[in-house]
Amino acid sequence: MQSSIIRFETEPDFFIHAEGWGDSSAPPILLLHGGGQTHHSWGDTAQRLAERGWYAITYDARGHGNSSWSSKGAYLVDALVSDLKAIIHQVGGKPAIIGASMGGITALVLEGESIESLTSAIILVDIAPKAEQKGIERIFAFMSSHLESGFASLEEAANAVAAYLPQRSRKDNYSRLEKNLRFRDGRYYWHWDPTMLKVWKDATPDQQIAYEERLFVAAQNLKAPTLIVRGGMSDVVSDRVMAEFLDAVPHVRSLTVSGAGHMVAGDSNHAFTHAVIQFLEEVYPV
């Protein structure tokens, strides 16, 4: 199946790069990746959704991939939500949203803080209002480790990913990994704005507490059918974190993908995609 490149303008002269799969007149689904990733991180999920009759759109969040980088360092959740609102307006209708990590937070705040529902369904991928701090610190450590030095080769980058994601099977084909890197001055670098990581890490403890409270309130106000898909080996959304979330928001469904870590779609794409399709066929049929 062929895809098409889409360009959304979310602010004057500020563009979001996207890829659309399927018939653009079909019910839309937006797929939002996690921090430090690109729209390529979904594996075959978008194509599979299109084959089942939906119009699947994956996009690079601001500061990532081929989307615009913010000269003002606007990378907190309000800026991400503003982009998402603009994209929904341009796509039309009430799409379903699948959001991983940062993308899930974006979807959660969008829907939970809107007076009227803007979506038909939400799937949160390994994200909850409160996360395990050790897991977040491990993500930041990985994103920081080769920020300035880059990698001498794709194999070196693959080795770094394998050390960070030991549960994921190693692939000899680096074509998908290469899409998340940019080659310059003889080395490979992650293709996201380094300012973004600094903005995230500069949050004070008080700001973090207020942020978590904001997310819990948003979660309690979710109006669209919602599923949270957790990686069984996740160090970000633990059993304890999941239980706290479901206690606070009992109308949200949950599913655990065994053998997957925080990056569920990449660790176990087939199982993840099957679960997503099963849920959407019930709550957002074609």
Protein backbone atom coordinates (compact mmCIF):
# COMPACT_ATOMS: atom_id res chain seq x y z
CA MET A 1 0.00 0.00 0.00
CA GLN A 2 1.31 3.42 -0.97
CA SER A 3 1.35 6.31 1.48
CA SER A 4 1.26 10.03 0.83
CA ILE A 5 3.22 12.87 2.43
CA ILE A 6 1.16 15.54 4.19
CA ARG A 7 2.20 18.94 5.49
CA PHE A 8 0.17 20.64 8.21
CA GLU A 9 0.69 24.31 9.05
CA THR A 10 -0.04 24.66 12.77
CA GLU A 11 1.33 28.19 13.21
CA PRO A 12 2.38 30.81 10.66
CA ASP A 13 5.39 29.32 8.84
CA PHE A 14 5.49 26.37 11.25
CA PHE A 15 4.92 22.96 9.69
CA ILE A 16 4.26 19.42 10.84
CA HIS A 17 5.46 16.63 8.56
CA ALA A 18 3.09 13.67 8.26
CA GLU A 19 2.43 10.50 6.30
CA GLY A 20 -1.06 9.31 5.41
CA TRP A 21 -2.07 5.71 4.79
CA GLY A 22 -5.31 4.65 3.12
CA ASP A 23 -8.31 6.50 1.74
CA SER A 24 -8.35 10.10 2.98
CA SER A 25 -12.17 10.03 3.05
CA ALA A 26 -12.20 7.13 5.54
CA PRO A 27 -12.52 7.64 9.32
CA PRO A 28 -9.21 9.19 10.44
CA ILE A 29 -6.79 7.93 13.04
CA LEU A 30 -3.85 10.05 14.23
CA LEU A 31 -0.76 8.29 15.58
CA LEU A 32 1.48 10.37 17.89
CA HIS A 33 4.95 9.06 18.70
CA GLY A 34 6.99 9.40 21.89
CA GLY A 35 9.75 11.85 22.75
CA GLY A 36 12.90 11.49 20.68
CA GLN A 37 11.13 9.35 18.08
CA THR A 38 9.64 10.10 14.66
CA HIS A 39 6.52 9.02 12.79
CA HIS A 40 8.44 5.94 11.62
CA SER A 41 8.33 4.47 15.14
CA TRP A 42 4.92 2.82 14.62
CA GLY A 43 6.27 -0.07 12.55
CA ASP A 44 3.51 -1.49 10.35
CA THR A 45 0.64 -0.30 12.54
CA ALA A 46 -0.49 2.57 10.29
CA GLN A 47 -0.49 0.37 7.19
CA ARG A 48 -2.45 -2.34 8.97
CA LEU A 49 -5.04 0.19 10.14
CA ALA A 50 -5.40 1.46 6.57
CA GLU A 51 -5.87 -2.09 5.30
CA ARG A 52 -8.78 -2.45 7.74
CA GLY A 53 -10.49 0.65 6.32
CA TRP A 54 -9.31 3.63 8.39
CA TYR A 55 -7.23 6.58 7.21
CA ALA A 56 -4.09 6.46 9.36
CA ILE A 57 -1.90 9.54 9.75
CA THR A 58 1.47 9.40 11.48
CA TYR A 59 3.31 12.65 12.07
CA ASP A 60 6.58 14.03 13.42
CA ALA A 61 5.93 16.12 16.52
CA ARG A 62 7.41 19.59 16.63
CA GLY A 63 11.16 19.45 17.10
CA HIS A 64 11.30 15.92 15.71
CA GLY A 65 12.11 14.48 12.29
CA ASN A 66 11.11 16.68 9.37
CA SER A 67 8.75 18.92 11.33
CA SER A 68 9.66 22.49 12.25
CA TRP A 69 11.85 23.15 15.29
CA SER A 70 10.71 25.87 17.68
CA SER A 71 13.06 28.85 17.83
CA LYS A 72 11.41 29.72 21.17
CA GLY A 73 11.95 26.27 22.69
CA ALA A 74 8.18 25.70 22.87
CA TYR A 75 8.15 21.98 23.57
CA LEU A 76 5.92 21.63 26.61
CA VAL A 77 2.52 19.99 26.45
CA ASP A 78 0.52 23.13 25.61
CA ALA A 79 2.47 23.61 22.37
CA LEU A 80 2.02 19.95 21.45
CA VAL A 81 -1.72 20.14 22.13
CA SER A 82 -1.99 23.31 20.04
CA ASP A 83 -0.41 21.48 17.09
CA LEU A 84 -2.77 18.54 17.56
CA LYS A 85 -5.83 20.80 17.61
CA ALA A 86 -4.70 22.46 14.39
CA ILE A 87 -4.14 19.09 12.73
CA ILE A 88 -7.58 17.81 13.80
CA HIS A 89 -9.15 20.97 12.38
CA GLN A 90 -7.41 20.40 9.04
CA VAL A 91 -8.19 16.68 8.92
CA GLY A 92 -11.82 17.25 9.87
CA GLY A 93 -14.20 15.19 11.98
CA LYS A 94 -13.42 13.52 15.30
CA PRO A 95 -10.47 11.21 14.75
CA ALA A 96 -9.32 8.40 16.97
CA ILE A 97 -5.91 9.09 18.49
CA ILE A 98 -3.18 6.63 19.37
CA GLY A 99 -0.49 8.29 21.47
CA ALA A 100 2.70 6.77 22.85
CA SER A 101 4.42 8.34 25.86
CA MET A 102 4.73 12.05 24.94
CA GLY A 103 2.09 11.54 22.27
CA GLY A 104 -0.23 9.90 24.79
CA ILE A 105 0.13 12.83 27.17
CA THR A 106 -0.72 15.17 24.29
CA ALA A 107 -3.88 13.21 23.52
CA LEU A 108 -4.81 12.98 27.21
CA VAL A 109 -4.56 16.74 27.77
CA LEU A 110 -6.35 17.55 24.51
CA GLU A 111 -9.37 15.39 25.29
CA GLY A 112 -9.40 15.81 29.06
CA GLU A 113 -9.28 19.61 28.96
CA SER A 114 -11.79 20.11 26.11
CA ILE A 115 -15.35 21.09 26.99
CA GLU A 116 -16.69 18.90 24.20
CA SER A 117 -15.03 15.73 23.01
CA LEU A 118 -12.69 16.27 20.06
CA THR A 119 -11.97 12.60 19.47
CA SER A 120 -13.86 9.39 18.81
CA ALA A 121 -11.48 7.15 20.76
CA ILE A 122 -8.13 7.38 22.54
CA ILE A 123 -5.44 4.75 22.98
CA LEU A 124 -2.72 5.66 25.47
CA VAL A 125 0.45 3.64 24.95
CA ASP A 126 2.44 3.07 28.15
CA ILE A 127 1.66 6.42 29.69
CA ALA A 128 -0.25 7.50 32.79
CA PRO A 129 -0.57 10.76 34.75
CA LYS A 130 2.16 9.57 37.08
CA ALA A 131 5.22 7.62 35.92
CA GLU A 132 8.09 5.78 37.59
CA GLN A 133 10.88 8.33 37.98
CA LYS A 134 13.63 5.78 37.39
CA GLY A 135 12.12 4.95 34.02
CA ILE A 136 11.95 8.62 33.03
CA GLU A 137 15.55 9.14 34.14
CA ARG A 138 16.66 6.17 32.02
CA ILE A 139 14.96 7.71 28.97
CA PHE A 140 16.67 11.05 29.58
CA ALA A 141 20.03 9.32 30.05
CA PHE A 142 19.65 7.50 26.73
CA MET A 143 18.60 10.66 24.89
CA SER A 144 21.53 12.59 26.41
CA SER A 145 24.25 10.00 25.92
CA HIS A 146 25.08 10.66 22.24
CA LEU A 147 23.48 14.06 21.91
CA GLU A 148 26.60 15.96 20.89
CA SER A 149 28.96 13.19 19.79
CA GLY A 150 26.59 11.27 17.54
CA PHE A 151 27.56 7.86 16.13
CA ALA A 152 30.35 6.82 13.80
CA SER A 153 28.10 4.29 12.04
CA LEU A 154 24.58 2.88 11.96
CA GLU A 155 25.90 -0.22 13.71
CA GLU A 156 27.17 1.90 16.59
CA ALA A 157 23.75 3.53 16.87
CA ALA A 158 22.11 0.10 16.77
CA ASN A 159 24.40 -1.06 19.59
CA ALA A 160 23.28 1.89 21.73
CA VAL A 161 19.61 1.07 21.07
CA ALA A 162 20.21 -2.61 21.86
CA ALA A 163 21.80 -1.68 25.20
CA TYR A 164 18.81 0.53 26.02
CA LEU A 165 16.21 -2.00 24.81
CA PRO A 166 17.65 -5.42 25.67
CA GLN A 167 14.23 -7.09 25.38
CA ARG A 168 13.94 -6.18 21.68
CA SER A 169 15.25 -8.62 19.07
CA ARG A 170 18.27 -7.27 17.20
CA LYS A 171 17.85 -6.64 13.46
CA ASP A 172 20.62 -6.59 10.89
CA ASN A 173 18.61 -4.25 8.67
CA TYR A 174 19.18 -0.66 9.83
CA SER A 175 16.81 1.01 7.35
CA ARG A 176 14.17 1.94 9.95
CA LEU A 177 16.80 3.11 12.44
CA GLU A 178 18.41 5.27 9.75
CA LYS A 179 15.13 7.16 9.31
CA ASN A 180 15.50 8.48 12.88
CA LEU A 181 19.03 9.73 12.27
CA ARG A 182 20.64 12.42 10.16
CA PHE A 183 24.13 12.16 8.66
CA ARG A 184 26.30 15.25 8.85
CA ASP A 185 30.03 15.92 9.11
CA GLY A 186 30.76 12.21 8.85
CA ARG A 187 28.58 11.09 11.79
CA TYR A 188 24.97 10.10 12.53
CA TYR A 189 22.88 12.19 14.94
CA TRP A 190 19.38 11.73 16.35
CA HIS A 191 17.04 13.97 14.40
CA TRP A 192 15.39 16.04 17.11
CA ASP A 193 16.04 19.46 18.60
CA PRO A 194 18.48 19.24 21.58
CA THR A 195 16.74 22.25 23.12
CA MET A 196 13.70 20.05 23.70
CA LEU A 197 15.50 17.79 26.16
CA LYS A 198 16.84 20.78 28.10
CA VAL A 199 13.33 22.24 28.38
CA TRP A 200 11.99 18.96 29.76
CA LYS A 201 14.83 18.45 32.24
CA ASP A 202 14.58 22.00 33.61
CA ALA A 203 11.20 21.35 35.26
CA THR A 204 11.31 21.95 39.03
CA PRO A 205 9.83 19.45 41.54
CA ASP A 206 6.90 21.81 42.19
CA GLN A 207 6.25 22.10 38.47
CA GLN A 208 6.35 18.31 38.14
CA ILE A 209 3.80 17.87 40.94
CA ALA A 210 1.48 20.43 39.35
CA TYR A 211 1.93 18.69 36.00
CA GLU A 212 0.94 15.29 37.41
CA GLU A 213 -2.12 16.80 39.09
CA ARG A 214 -3.09 18.39 35.79
CA LEU A 215 -2.83 15.02 34.03
CA PHE A 216 -4.94 13.26 36.68
CA VAL A 217 -7.70 15.86 36.31
CA ALA A 218 -7.56 15.52 32.53
CA ALA A 219 -7.76 11.73 32.81
CA GLN A 220 -10.84 11.95 35.02
CA ASN A 221 -12.47 14.15 32.38
CA LEU A 222 -11.87 11.80 29.46
CA LYS A 223 -15.09 11.53 27.48
CA ALA A 224 -14.13 9.35 24.51
CA PRO A 225 -13.71 5.56 24.86
CA THR A 226 -10.17 5.09 26.15
CA LEU A 227 -7.76 2.18 26.27
CA ILE A 228 -4.36 2.19 27.95
CA VAL A 229 -1.89 -0.33 26.54
CA ARG A 230 0.99 -1.05 28.89
CA GLY A 231 4.23 -2.87 28.21
CA GLY A 232 4.54 -5.80 30.61
CA MET A 233 8.24 -5.00 31.09
CA SER A 234 7.80 -1.22 31.24
CA ASP A 235 9.87 0.69 33.78
CA VAL A 236 7.75 3.82 33.18
CA VAL A 237 4.23 2.49 33.79
CA SER A 238 4.63 -0.16 36.49
CA ASP A 239 1.87 -2.37 37.89
CA ARG A 240 1.55 0.13 40.76
CA VAL A 241 1.25 3.13 38.43
CA MET A 242 -1.32 1.33 36.29
CA ALA A 243 -3.38 0.38 39.36
CA GLU A 244 -3.38 3.99 40.63
CA PHE A 245 -4.49 5.22 37.22
CA LEU A 246 -7.34 2.71 36.92
CA ASP A 247 -8.51 3.44 40.46
CA ALA A 248 -8.72 7.14 39.63
CA VAL A 249 -10.25 6.60 36.19
CA PRO A 250 -12.33 3.40 36.36
CA HIS A 251 -13.99 3.96 32.96
CA VAL A 252 -10.66 3.49 31.15
CA ARG A 253 -9.90 0.02 29.82
CA SER A 254 -6.45 -1.50 30.17
CA LEU A 255 -4.35 -4.11 28.41
CA THR A 256 -0.83 -5.36 29.06
CA VAL A 257 1.42 -6.61 26.25
CA SER A 258 3.78 -9.14 27.79
CA GLY A 259 7.37 -9.06 26.60
CA ALA A 260 7.20 -5.37 25.68
CA GLY A 261 8.82 -2.46 27.45
CA HIS A 262 7.95 1.23 27.34
CA MET A 263 8.12 1.32 23.53
CA VAL A 264 5.31 -1.19 23.08
CA ALA A 265 4.71 -0.71 19.35
CA GLY A 266 8.37 -1.25 18.55
CA ASP A 267 8.91 -4.14 20.97
CA SER A 268 5.87 -6.20 19.98
CA ASN A 269 4.27 -4.60 16.95
CA HIS A 270 2.04 -7.51 15.94
CA ALA A 271 0.48 -7.96 19.39
CA PHE A 272 0.12 -4.21 19.84
CA THR A 273 -1.54 -3.66 16.47
CA HIS A 274 -3.93 -6.58 17.02
CA ALA A 275 -5.05 -5.11 20.36
CA VAL A 276 -5.52 -1.66 18.84
CA ILE A 277 -7.61 -2.96 15.93
CA GLN A 278 -9.76 -5.08 18.25
CA PHE A 279 -10.58 -2.05 20.41
CA LEU A 280 -11.18 0.31 17.50
CA GLU A 281 -13.46 -2.10 15.67
CA GLU A 282 -15.70 -2.01 18.73
CA VAL A 283 -15.72 1.71 19.54
CA TYR A 284 -14.79 3.33 16.20
CA PRO A 285 -15.95 0.98 13.41
CA VAL A 286 -15.31 1.77 9.77
